[in-house]
Every structure is written in structure tokens, then in C-alpha cells.
């Protein structure tokens, strides 16, 4: 499948919230391999968080459209002098077909070429070994640095466990990579 990337607008918010939630939460997410349904319930992204991401400088939500709505999306932004990658979602039935890898590469290109950044970082729930391994195959490394999960803030979901935390992964963005 040829992927055409475009920047999301505020009109995309309802469809993107549905896409991201379907890729990570609830029974629908179990059709793919990115599910967090055993760790978290509730929405994966709150509309107001997404709206803020769309409005801030040096922040872009990229979308890949299909005939019936978005197929994939991801957020790339400048944070603390590096690129930050997040809100990554591919429709569960399309996962494993290469679309996610192309979207990640486009986000890296934006950070490197459009914004001149030398590093890409992300925060991944450290229990997600399969997902972390997928990122490692794409050049990311585990840093051993952790951030707490925002327990009590349901904009990020309803935890089903009390041992959630994020690990920071990073990758150097080589010129002309």
C-alpha cells in the first residue's frame, strides 16, 4: 500500500481518538498486536490533549487516510531539543503490514529534515516487550530512564494494574538517513 501522509486538523479529532483507542484499548484492539487492553481501559487519547498537540508550535500529527477514514496516525513534536514520537496507531487489522514502519520513518524525517533535530525519543510502557523489540529493530535503544504513569488522570486511560511506568527509548537521527 502506498502511504500518503498529511497533517491532521482539528476536524480529524473524533476520527483520530477512535483510531488510537481501537489500536490499544478494548476488544477491537486484540485484532492487532499493539493492544494494551490487559493494562489499561478507557480512551487512549483525550480530545483536548490531541487539540493541544495540534495547536502547539513544532508539533505535527501525521495521518494516513483510507477510503473510510484514517488508517494510521502518529504525533511528532520537538520536546527538550529532540524529536518526540507518540500517539502512534495503525488500525488493528492492518498491523504487521509495514504501514507503521513507513509512518515512523516519516516522523523521523520531519524531525530530522524539517526541524533539524538530531534525536528522536519516545516513552513506552516498559511491560510492552514486543513493542519495545519492534522499536529496537528500527534503531531505538532503551535508556533505562523511566517516567511514572499518570495514575489518576483518566485522560490517559484507566489503569488495570499498579505497576505501570514508561521507559524512554531514543535513536540518533542521522543526516540523510
C-alpha atoms as a PDB file:
ATOM      1  CA  UNK A   1       0.000   0.000   0.000  1.00  0.00           C
ATOM      2  CA  UNK A   2       1.265   3.443  -0.955  1.00  0.00           C
ATOM      3  CA  UNK A   3       1.153   5.715   2.091  1.00  0.00           C
ATOM      4  CA  UNK A   4       0.324   9.402   1.666  1.00  0.00           C
ATOM      5  CA  UNK A   5       0.948  11.446   4.763  1.00  0.00           C
ATOM      6  CA  UNK A   6      -0.896  14.604   5.684  1.00  0.00           C
ATOM      7  CA  UNK A   7      -1.041  16.834   8.727  1.00  0.00           C
ATOM      8  CA  UNK A   8      -4.145  16.370  10.862  1.00  0.00           C
ATOM      9  CA  UNK A   9      -6.523  19.232  11.570  1.00  0.00           C
ATOM     10  CA  UNK A  10      -8.952  19.800  14.413  1.00  0.00           C
ATOM     11  CA  UNK A  11     -11.694  18.333  12.189  1.00  0.00           C
ATOM     12  CA  UNK A  12      -9.859  14.987  12.432  1.00  0.00           C
ATOM     13  CA  UNK A  13     -10.016  14.804  16.238  1.00  0.00           C
ATOM     14  CA  UNK A  14     -13.064  12.476  16.598  1.00  0.00           C
ATOM     15  CA  UNK A  15     -11.778  10.005  13.979  1.00  0.00           C
ATOM     16  CA  UNK A  16      -8.245  10.032  15.433  1.00  0.00           C
ATOM     17  CA  UNK A  17      -9.473   9.460  19.000  1.00  0.00           C
ATOM     18  CA  UNK A  18     -11.468   6.467  17.705  1.00  0.00           C
ATOM     19  CA  UNK A  19      -8.497   5.112  15.711  1.00  0.00           C
ATOM     20  CA  UNK A  20      -5.994   5.424  18.557  1.00  0.00           C
ATOM     21  CA  UNK A  21      -8.385   3.885  21.071  1.00  0.00           C
ATOM     22  CA  UNK A  22      -9.194   0.970  18.715  1.00  0.00           C
ATOM     23  CA  UNK A  23      -5.488   0.196  18.308  1.00  0.00           C
ATOM     24  CA  UNK A  24      -4.799  -0.017  22.046  1.00  0.00           C
ATOM     25  CA  UNK A  25      -7.944  -0.480  24.141  1.00  0.00           C
ATOM     26  CA  UNK A  26     -10.925  -2.782  24.314  1.00  0.00           C
ATOM     27  CA  UNK A  27     -11.702  -5.965  22.452  1.00  0.00           C
ATOM     28  CA  UNK A  28     -11.202  -4.395  18.995  1.00  0.00           C
ATOM     29  CA  UNK A  29      -7.535  -3.806  19.848  1.00  0.00           C
ATOM     30  CA  UNK A  30      -6.951  -7.545  20.286  1.00  0.00           C
ATOM     31  CA  UNK A  31      -7.147  -7.978  16.488  1.00  0.00           C
ATOM     32  CA  UNK A  32      -3.699  -6.363  16.319  1.00  0.00           C
ATOM     33  CA  UNK A  33      -0.537  -6.825  18.338  1.00  0.00           C
ATOM     34  CA  UNK A  34      -0.355  -3.366  19.947  1.00  0.00           C
ATOM     35  CA  UNK A  35      -3.171  -3.887  22.453  1.00  0.00           C
ATOM     36  CA  UNK A  36      -2.870  -2.509  25.969  1.00  0.00           C
ATOM     37  CA  UNK A  37      -6.259  -3.973  26.947  1.00  0.00           C
ATOM     38  CA  UNK A  38      -4.705  -6.078  29.725  1.00  0.00           C
ATOM     39  CA  UNK A  39      -3.059  -2.992  31.274  1.00  0.00           C
ATOM     40  CA  UNK A  40      -5.449  -0.105  30.640  1.00  0.00           C
ATOM     41  CA  UNK A  41      -9.080   0.625  29.917  1.00  0.00           C
ATOM     42  CA  UNK A  42     -10.796   3.770  28.678  1.00  0.00           C
ATOM     43  CA  UNK A  43      -9.669   6.107  25.900  1.00  0.00           C
ATOM     44  CA  UNK A  44      -6.032   6.170  24.808  1.00  0.00           C
ATOM     45  CA  UNK A  45      -6.086   9.886  23.939  1.00  0.00           C
ATOM     46  CA  UNK A  46      -8.354  12.652  25.163  1.00  0.00           C
ATOM     47  CA  UNK A  47      -9.683  15.108  22.539  1.00  0.00           C
ATOM     48  CA  UNK A  48      -8.329  18.121  24.442  1.00  0.00           C
ATOM     49  CA  UNK A  49      -4.830  16.616  24.655  1.00  0.00           C
ATOM     50  CA  UNK A  50      -4.932  15.996  20.905  1.00  0.00           C
ATOM     51  CA  UNK A  51      -6.233  19.523  20.249  1.00  0.00           C
ATOM     52  CA  UNK A  52      -3.333  20.970  22.262  1.00  0.00           C
ATOM     53  CA  UNK A  53      -0.860  18.858  20.264  1.00  0.00           C
ATOM     54  CA  UNK A  54      -2.330  20.177  17.003  1.00  0.00           C
ATOM     55  CA  UNK A  55      -2.065  23.798  18.135  1.00  0.00           C
ATOM     56  CA  UNK A  56       1.416  23.926  19.591  1.00  0.00           C
ATOM     57  CA  UNK A  57       4.469  25.009  17.561  1.00  0.00           C
ATOM     58  CA  UNK A  58       6.788  22.366  16.104  1.00  0.00           C
ATOM     59  CA  UNK A  59       4.196  19.680  16.614  1.00  0.00           C
ATOM     60  CA  UNK A  60       2.522  17.666  13.885  1.00  0.00           C
ATOM     61  CA  UNK A  61       0.063  14.801  13.878  1.00  0.00           C
ATOM     62  CA  UNK A  62       0.517  12.827  10.687  1.00  0.00           C
ATOM     63  CA  UNK A  63      -2.347  10.821   9.214  1.00  0.00           C
ATOM     64  CA  UNK A  64      -2.588   8.135   6.539  1.00  0.00           C
ATOM     65  CA  UNK A  65      -6.107   8.103   5.099  1.00  0.00           C
ATOM     66  CA  UNK A  66      -8.127   5.254   3.673  1.00  0.00           C
ATOM     67  CA  UNK A  67     -11.420   5.285   1.803  1.00  0.00           C
ATOM     68  CA  UNK A  68     -13.381   5.079   5.066  1.00  0.00           C
ATOM     69  CA  UNK A  69     -11.244   7.198   7.400  1.00  0.00           C
ATOM     70  CA  UNK A  70      -7.761   7.224   8.898  1.00  0.00           C
ATOM     71  CA  UNK A  71      -5.689   4.045   8.656  1.00  0.00           C
ATOM     72  CA  UNK A  72      -2.803   5.236  10.836  1.00  0.00           C
ATOM     73  CA  UNK A  73      -1.560   8.281  12.718  1.00  0.00           C
ATOM     74  CA  UNK A  74       1.329   9.446  14.868  1.00  0.00           C
ATOM     75  CA  UNK A  75       2.395  12.575  16.681  1.00  0.00           C
ATOM     76  CA  UNK A  76       5.857  14.093  16.239  1.00  0.00           C
ATOM     77  CA  UNK A  77       6.981  17.198  18.087  1.00  0.00           C
ATOM     78  CA  UNK A  78      10.038  18.964  19.363  1.00  0.00           C
ATOM     79  CA  UNK A  79      10.477  18.383  23.081  1.00  0.00           C
ATOM     80  CA  UNK A  80      13.549  19.301  25.098  1.00  0.00           C
ATOM     81  CA  UNK A  81      15.658  19.779  21.960  1.00  0.00           C
ATOM     82  CA  UNK A  82      14.821  16.373  20.453  1.00  0.00           C
ATOM     83  CA  UNK A  83      12.023  14.888  18.419  1.00  0.00           C
ATOM     84  CA  UNK A  84       9.290  13.209  20.422  1.00  0.00           C
ATOM     85  CA  UNK A  85       7.245  10.394  18.866  1.00  0.00           C
ATOM     86  CA  UNK A  86       3.902   9.329  20.271  1.00  0.00           C
ATOM     87  CA  UNK A  87       0.200   8.652  19.722  1.00  0.00           C
ATOM     88  CA  UNK A  88       1.220   6.002  17.188  1.00  0.00           C
ATOM     89  CA  UNK A  89      -1.677   3.932  15.916  1.00  0.00           C
ATOM     90  CA  UNK A  90      -2.432   1.644  12.987  1.00  0.00           C
ATOM     91  CA  UNK A  91      -5.833   0.037  12.538  1.00  0.00           C
ATOM     92  CA  UNK A  92      -5.606  -3.360  14.244  1.00  0.00           C
ATOM     93  CA  UNK A  93      -6.453  -5.335  11.090  1.00  0.00           C
ATOM     94  CA  UNK A  94      -3.658  -3.574   9.175  1.00  0.00           C
ATOM     95  CA  UNK A  95      -0.901  -4.050  11.772  1.00  0.00           C
ATOM     96  CA  UNK A  96       2.098  -6.060  10.638  1.00  0.00           C
ATOM     97  CA  UNK A  97       1.857  -4.917   7.007  1.00  0.00           C
ATOM     98  CA  UNK A  98       4.585  -2.249   7.066  1.00  0.00           C
ATOM     99  CA  UNK A  99       2.396   0.865   7.256  1.00  0.00           C
ATOM    100  CA  UNK A 100       3.532   1.632  10.813  1.00  0.00           C
ATOM    101  CA  UNK A 101       7.199   1.410   9.852  1.00  0.00           C
ATOM    102  CA  UNK A 102       6.676   3.852   6.990  1.00  0.00           C
ATOM    103  CA  UNK A 103       4.818   6.245   9.294  1.00  0.00           C
ATOM    104  CA  UNK A 104       7.589   6.077  11.910  1.00  0.00           C
ATOM    105  CA  UNK A 105      10.178   6.789   9.196  1.00  0.00           C
ATOM    106  CA  UNK A 106       8.182   9.815   8.014  1.00  0.00           C
ATOM    107  CA  UNK A 107       8.010  11.183  11.568  1.00  0.00           C
ATOM    108  CA  UNK A 108      11.780  10.738  11.875  1.00  0.00           C
ATOM    109  CA  UNK A 109      12.212  12.574   8.553  1.00  0.00           C
ATOM    110  CA  UNK A 110      10.093  15.502   9.799  1.00  0.00           C
ATOM    111  CA  UNK A 111      12.156  15.801  12.988  1.00  0.00           C
ATOM    112  CA  UNK A 112      15.476  15.484  11.136  1.00  0.00           C
ATOM    113  CA  UNK A 113      14.850  17.445   7.907  1.00  0.00           C
ATOM    114  CA  UNK A 114      12.083  19.915   8.724  1.00  0.00           C
ATOM    115  CA  UNK A 115      13.196  20.784  12.255  1.00  0.00           C
ATOM    116  CA  UNK A 116      16.937  19.904  12.214  1.00  0.00           C
ATOM    117  CA  UNK A 117      16.748  17.645  15.269  1.00  0.00           C
ATOM    118  CA  UNK A 118      19.406  15.017  15.954  1.00  0.00           C
ATOM    119  CA  UNK A 119      17.497  12.638  18.264  1.00  0.00           C
ATOM    120  CA  UNK A 120      14.076  11.030  18.443  1.00  0.00           C
ATOM    121  CA  UNK A 121      12.678   9.964  21.811  1.00  0.00           C
ATOM    122  CA  UNK A 122       9.539   8.239  22.988  1.00  0.00           C
ATOM    123  CA  UNK A 123       8.012   6.885  26.167  1.00  0.00           C
ATOM    124  CA  UNK A 124       6.748   3.288  26.094  1.00  0.00           C
ATOM    125  CA  UNK A 125       5.121   1.319  28.898  1.00  0.00           C
ATOM    126  CA  UNK A 126       8.039  -0.871  29.959  1.00  0.00           C
ATOM    127  CA  UNK A 127       5.842  -4.002  30.172  1.00  0.00           C
ATOM    128  CA  UNK A 128       5.378  -3.813  26.372  1.00  0.00           C
ATOM    129  CA  UNK A 129       8.364  -6.037  25.497  1.00  0.00           C
ATOM    130  CA  UNK A 130       7.098  -6.938  21.999  1.00  0.00           C
ATOM    131  CA  UNK A 131       6.548  -3.291  21.117  1.00  0.00           C
ATOM    132  CA  UNK A 132       9.922  -2.259  22.541  1.00  0.00           C
ATOM    133  CA  UNK A 133      11.577  -5.016  20.487  1.00  0.00           C
ATOM    134  CA  UNK A 134       9.841  -3.644  17.364  1.00  0.00           C
ATOM    135  CA  UNK A 135      11.334  -0.202  18.062  1.00  0.00           C
ATOM    136  CA  UNK A 136      14.762  -1.722  18.790  1.00  0.00           C
ATOM    137  CA  UNK A 137      14.730  -3.356  15.341  1.00  0.00           C
ATOM    138  CA  UNK A 138      14.277   0.163  13.959  1.00  0.00           C
ATOM    139  CA  UNK A 139      17.325   1.546  15.754  1.00  0.00           C
ATOM    140  CA  UNK A 140      15.871   2.709  19.079  1.00  0.00           C
ATOM    141  CA  UNK A 141      17.584   1.810  22.313  1.00  0.00           C
ATOM    142  CA  UNK A 142      16.349   1.502  25.846  1.00  0.00           C
ATOM    143  CA  UNK A 143      17.817   4.236  28.022  1.00  0.00           C
ATOM    144  CA  UNK A 144      16.968   2.806  31.444  1.00  0.00           C
ATOM    145  CA  UNK A 145      15.318   6.149  32.257  1.00  0.00           C
ATOM    146  CA  UNK A 146      11.754   5.874  33.463  1.00  0.00           C
ATOM    147  CA  UNK A 147       8.777   8.160  33.974  1.00  0.00           C
ATOM    148  CA  UNK A 148       5.811   7.428  36.205  1.00  0.00           C
ATOM    149  CA  UNK A 149       2.457   6.553  34.692  1.00  0.00           C
ATOM    150  CA  UNK A 150      -0.067   9.376  35.297  1.00  0.00           C
ATOM    151  CA  UNK A 151      -2.291   7.440  37.689  1.00  0.00           C
ATOM    152  CA  UNK A 152      -5.458   9.348  38.494  1.00  0.00           C
ATOM    153  CA  UNK A 153      -5.515  11.248  35.171  1.00  0.00           C
ATOM    154  CA  UNK A 154      -8.139   9.399  33.134  1.00  0.00           C
ATOM    155  CA  UNK A 155      -7.242  11.415  30.014  1.00  0.00           C
ATOM    156  CA  UNK A 156      -4.561   8.725  29.552  1.00  0.00           C
ATOM    157  CA  UNK A 157      -6.715   5.736  30.434  1.00  0.00           C
ATOM    158  CA  UNK A 158      -7.862   3.772  33.440  1.00  0.00           C
ATOM    159  CA  UNK A 159      -5.050   1.566  34.791  1.00  0.00           C
ATOM    160  CA  UNK A 160      -5.860  -2.089  35.444  1.00  0.00           C
ATOM    161  CA  UNK A 161      -2.522  -2.640  37.231  1.00  0.00           C
ATOM    162  CA  UNK A 162      -0.494  -0.725  39.773  1.00  0.00           C
ATOM    163  CA  UNK A 163       2.956  -1.339  38.235  1.00  0.00           C
ATOM    164  CA  UNK A 164       2.783   0.791  35.071  1.00  0.00           C
ATOM    165  CA  UNK A 165       5.613   3.143  34.146  1.00  0.00           C
ATOM    166  CA  UNK A 166       7.201   4.433  30.971  1.00  0.00           C
ATOM    167  CA  UNK A 167      10.713   3.773  29.724  1.00  0.00           C
ATOM    168  CA  UNK A 168      12.361   6.334  27.459  1.00  0.00           C
ATOM    169  CA  UNK A 169      13.644   4.981  24.144  1.00  0.00           C
ATOM    170  CA  UNK A 170      15.845   7.050  21.852  1.00  0.00           C
ATOM    171  CA  UNK A 171      17.528   6.969  18.477  1.00  0.00           C
ATOM    172  CA  UNK A 172      20.022   9.269  16.788  1.00  0.00           C
ATOM    173  CA  UNK A 173      18.631  10.792  13.595  1.00  0.00           C
ATOM    174  CA  UNK A 174      21.391  10.516  11.052  1.00  0.00           C
ATOM    175  CA  UNK A 175      21.576  13.163   8.321  1.00  0.00           C
ATOM    176  CA  UNK A 176      20.060  11.928   5.050  1.00  0.00           C
ATOM    177  CA  UNK A 177      19.042   8.636   6.688  1.00  0.00           C
END
